């Protein structure tokens, strides 16, 4: 059975103990969503598939009259997670609507590209603020599991770079920065 990236998100989230689909989604929203999101519409069907494959087990744990199933990683699920971690990444996926719009900005009204860059900068500033908010918690947990904090620092530093890039791109589009000089390319 070929697993989706969302399946591996779930296996990874369950490595520390049983969780419901809701708890997995909440954990994703506070951690991996900054670089790999997963929706309820992805999580619940994947939990069903993973259970059928014997990689997770669900146990009913109703709370306050509500149905709740807590899932735990099986030995087979833990082994599949390890196999996945042993393989090199197969994809580099970046989905950025702001960059997509900027790519096609030539079809927009004059000045729209600057607005797109400004909107992108605001979104990245919001993301950076959210990452900095969770940084103290990730730093405190780094003594037992340093990897989420390492990834968080990547998110902070790359967000800072994107904000600086937005400033440079905006200045270039506004004409306050000289255009790059064309250089002769050598023929190999």
Protein backbone atom coordinates (compact mmCIF):
# COMPACT_ATOMS: atom_id res chain seq x y z
CA UNK A 1 0.00 0.00 0.00
CA UNK A 2 1.38 3.37 -1.00
CA UNK A 3 0.90 5.99 1.70
CA UNK A 4 0.16 9.65 1.14
CA UNK A 5 2.14 12.46 2.79
CA UNK A 6 -0.83 13.00 5.11
CA UNK A 7 -0.53 9.38 6.26
CA UNK A 8 3.06 10.03 7.30
CA UNK A 9 2.00 13.22 9.11
CA UNK A 10 -0.46 11.07 11.09
CA UNK A 11 2.07 8.32 11.81
CA UNK A 12 4.55 10.96 12.96
CA UNK A 13 2.01 12.66 15.21
CA UNK A 14 1.04 9.33 16.81
CA UNK A 15 4.65 8.41 17.64
CA UNK A 16 4.34 10.02 21.07
CA UNK A 17 1.05 8.44 22.06
CA UNK A 18 -2.63 7.96 21.22
CA UNK A 19 -4.60 10.87 19.78
CA UNK A 20 -7.97 11.44 18.19
CA UNK A 21 -8.32 12.88 14.70
CA UNK A 22 -9.22 16.20 16.30
CA UNK A 23 -6.06 16.14 18.43
CA UNK A 24 -3.93 15.27 15.40
CA UNK A 25 -5.43 18.20 13.48
CA UNK A 26 -4.81 20.52 16.44
CA UNK A 27 -1.17 19.34 16.65
CA UNK A 28 -0.75 19.89 12.90
CA UNK A 29 -2.19 23.39 13.20
CA UNK A 30 0.43 24.25 15.83
CA UNK A 31 3.40 22.66 14.13
CA UNK A 32 3.64 21.20 10.63
CA UNK A 33 1.01 23.42 9.00
CA UNK A 34 3.68 26.05 8.50
CA UNK A 35 5.32 23.74 5.97
CA UNK A 36 2.96 20.76 5.51
CA UNK A 37 -0.74 21.21 6.23
CA UNK A 38 -3.40 18.53 6.69
CA UNK A 39 -7.14 19.10 6.85
CA UNK A 40 -9.85 17.14 8.66
CA UNK A 41 -10.96 15.99 5.21
CA UNK A 42 -7.55 14.40 4.75
CA UNK A 43 -6.91 13.17 8.30
CA UNK A 44 -10.07 11.14 8.96
CA UNK A 45 -10.04 9.14 5.69
CA UNK A 46 -6.32 8.48 6.18
CA UNK A 47 -6.92 7.24 9.72
CA UNK A 48 -9.45 4.75 8.29
CA UNK A 49 -6.97 3.61 5.61
CA UNK A 50 -4.13 3.30 8.14
CA UNK A 51 -6.35 1.27 10.49
CA UNK A 52 -7.34 -1.09 7.65
CA UNK A 53 -3.64 -1.50 6.80
CA UNK A 54 -2.84 -2.34 10.44
CA UNK A 55 -0.58 0.68 10.90
CA UNK A 56 -2.78 2.29 13.57
CA UNK A 57 -5.45 1.00 15.95
CA UNK A 58 -8.48 2.97 17.03
CA UNK A 59 -10.11 2.62 20.44
CA UNK A 60 -13.41 4.22 21.38
CA UNK A 61 -13.00 6.79 24.16
CA UNK A 62 -16.22 8.80 24.37
CA UNK A 63 -16.00 12.09 26.23
CA UNK A 64 -19.01 14.00 27.52
CA UNK A 65 -21.44 11.98 25.41
CA UNK A 66 -19.46 12.60 22.22
CA UNK A 67 -18.03 9.82 20.11
CA UNK A 68 -14.27 9.89 20.17
CA UNK A 69 -11.76 7.42 18.80
CA UNK A 70 -8.18 7.59 19.98
CA UNK A 71 -5.67 6.08 17.58
CA UNK A 72 -2.34 4.61 18.49
CA UNK A 73 0.60 3.59 16.36
CA UNK A 74 1.05 -0.16 15.96
CA UNK A 75 4.46 -1.81 15.69
CA UNK A 76 3.87 -2.05 11.93
CA UNK A 77 3.03 1.66 11.83
CA UNK A 78 6.16 2.54 13.79
CA UNK A 79 8.22 0.42 11.37
CA UNK A 80 6.59 2.10 8.33
CA UNK A 81 7.38 5.52 9.80
CA UNK A 82 11.03 4.45 10.22
CA UNK A 83 11.17 3.13 6.62
CA UNK A 84 9.81 6.43 5.35
CA UNK A 85 12.36 8.38 7.40
CA UNK A 86 15.14 6.21 5.93
CA UNK A 87 14.20 7.18 2.35
CA UNK A 88 15.36 10.47 0.83
CA UNK A 89 12.62 13.05 0.24
CA UNK A 90 10.88 12.57 -3.10
CA UNK A 91 9.38 16.01 -3.51
CA UNK A 92 10.01 19.63 -2.80
CA UNK A 93 6.65 21.30 -2.87
CA UNK A 94 6.04 24.95 -2.30
CA UNK A 95 2.55 26.28 -2.72
CA UNK A 96 2.54 30.05 -2.48
CA UNK A 97 -0.42 31.90 -3.98
CA UNK A 98 1.40 35.22 -3.66
CA UNK A 99 4.28 33.99 -5.82
CA UNK A 100 1.80 32.51 -8.28
CA UNK A 101 0.02 35.85 -8.60
CA UNK A 102 3.33 37.70 -8.92
CA UNK A 103 4.38 35.28 -11.66
CA UNK A 104 1.30 36.31 -13.68
CA UNK A 105 1.29 39.98 -12.61
CA UNK A 106 2.11 41.06 -16.15
CA UNK A 107 -1.58 40.51 -16.95
CA UNK A 108 -2.69 42.83 -14.15
CA UNK A 109 -3.11 46.59 -13.96
CA UNK A 110 0.09 48.63 -13.45
CA UNK A 111 1.09 48.74 -9.79
CA UNK A 112 -0.68 45.47 -8.94
CA UNK A 113 2.61 43.61 -8.54
CA UNK A 114 3.62 45.92 -5.68
CA UNK A 115 0.26 45.24 -4.01
CA UNK A 116 0.83 41.50 -4.40
CA UNK A 117 4.28 41.79 -2.82
CA UNK A 118 2.89 43.91 0.03
CA UNK A 119 0.16 41.32 0.68
CA UNK A 120 2.73 38.52 0.62
CA UNK A 121 4.90 40.40 3.09
CA UNK A 122 1.95 40.88 5.47
CA UNK A 123 1.14 37.16 5.37
CA UNK A 124 4.76 36.22 6.03
CA UNK A 125 4.96 38.73 8.89
CA UNK A 126 1.85 37.09 10.42
CA UNK A 127 3.44 33.66 10.01
CA UNK A 128 6.67 34.90 11.58
CA UNK A 129 4.75 36.32 14.56
CA UNK A 130 2.99 32.96 15.02
CA UNK A 131 6.31 31.08 14.84
CA UNK A 132 7.92 33.41 17.36
CA UNK A 133 4.96 32.87 19.68
CA UNK A 134 5.60 29.12 19.81
CA UNK A 135 9.38 29.42 19.83
CA UNK A 136 9.74 29.44 23.65
CA UNK A 137 7.76 26.19 23.93
CA UNK A 138 9.73 24.50 21.17
CA UNK A 139 13.01 25.68 22.69
CA UNK A 140 11.99 24.30 26.10
CA UNK A 141 11.09 20.92 24.58
CA UNK A 142 14.32 20.78 22.55
CA UNK A 143 16.20 18.98 25.31
CA UNK A 144 14.05 15.87 24.78
CA UNK A 145 13.29 16.27 21.05
CA UNK A 146 15.43 18.90 19.27
CA UNK A 147 14.02 18.36 15.78
CA UNK A 148 10.77 20.38 15.96
CA UNK A 149 12.80 23.32 17.27
CA UNK A 150 15.33 22.91 14.47
CA UNK A 151 12.50 23.03 11.91
CA UNK A 152 10.94 26.00 13.71
CA UNK A 153 14.21 27.92 13.42
CA UNK A 154 14.22 27.14 9.69
CA UNK A 155 10.73 28.63 9.48
CA UNK A 156 11.74 31.76 11.38
CA UNK A 157 14.92 32.34 9.38
CA UNK A 158 13.30 31.65 6.01
CA UNK A 159 10.41 33.98 6.90
CA UNK A 160 12.88 36.71 7.77
CA UNK A 161 14.57 36.18 4.40
CA UNK A 162 11.23 36.35 2.54
CA UNK A 163 10.37 39.63 4.26
CA UNK A 164 13.74 41.08 3.21
CA UNK A 165 13.16 39.74 -0.33
CA UNK A 166 9.77 41.47 -0.43
CA UNK A 167 11.46 44.76 0.50
CA UNK A 168 14.05 44.33 -2.27
CA UNK A 169 11.46 43.26 -4.85
CA UNK A 170 9.16 46.15 -3.95
CA UNK A 171 12.01 48.64 -4.23
CA UNK A 172 13.01 47.18 -7.59
CA UNK A 173 9.47 47.44 -8.92
CA UNK A 174 9.12 50.97 -7.60
CA UNK A 175 12.37 51.87 -9.40
CA UNK A 176 14.25 52.92 -6.26
CA UNK A 177 16.90 50.34 -6.91
CA UNK A 178 19.01 50.17 -10.01
CA UNK A 179 18.19 47.36 -12.37
CA UNK A 180 20.64 44.46 -12.45
CA UNK A 181 23.35 44.84 -15.04
CA UNK A 182 23.25 42.42 -17.94
CA UNK A 183 26.40 40.37 -18.16
CA UNK A 184 27.79 38.48 -21.07
CA UNK A 185 27.27 34.79 -20.69
CA UNK A 186 30.19 32.67 -21.63
CA UNK A 187 29.56 29.94 -24.13
CA UNK A 188 30.63 26.58 -22.80
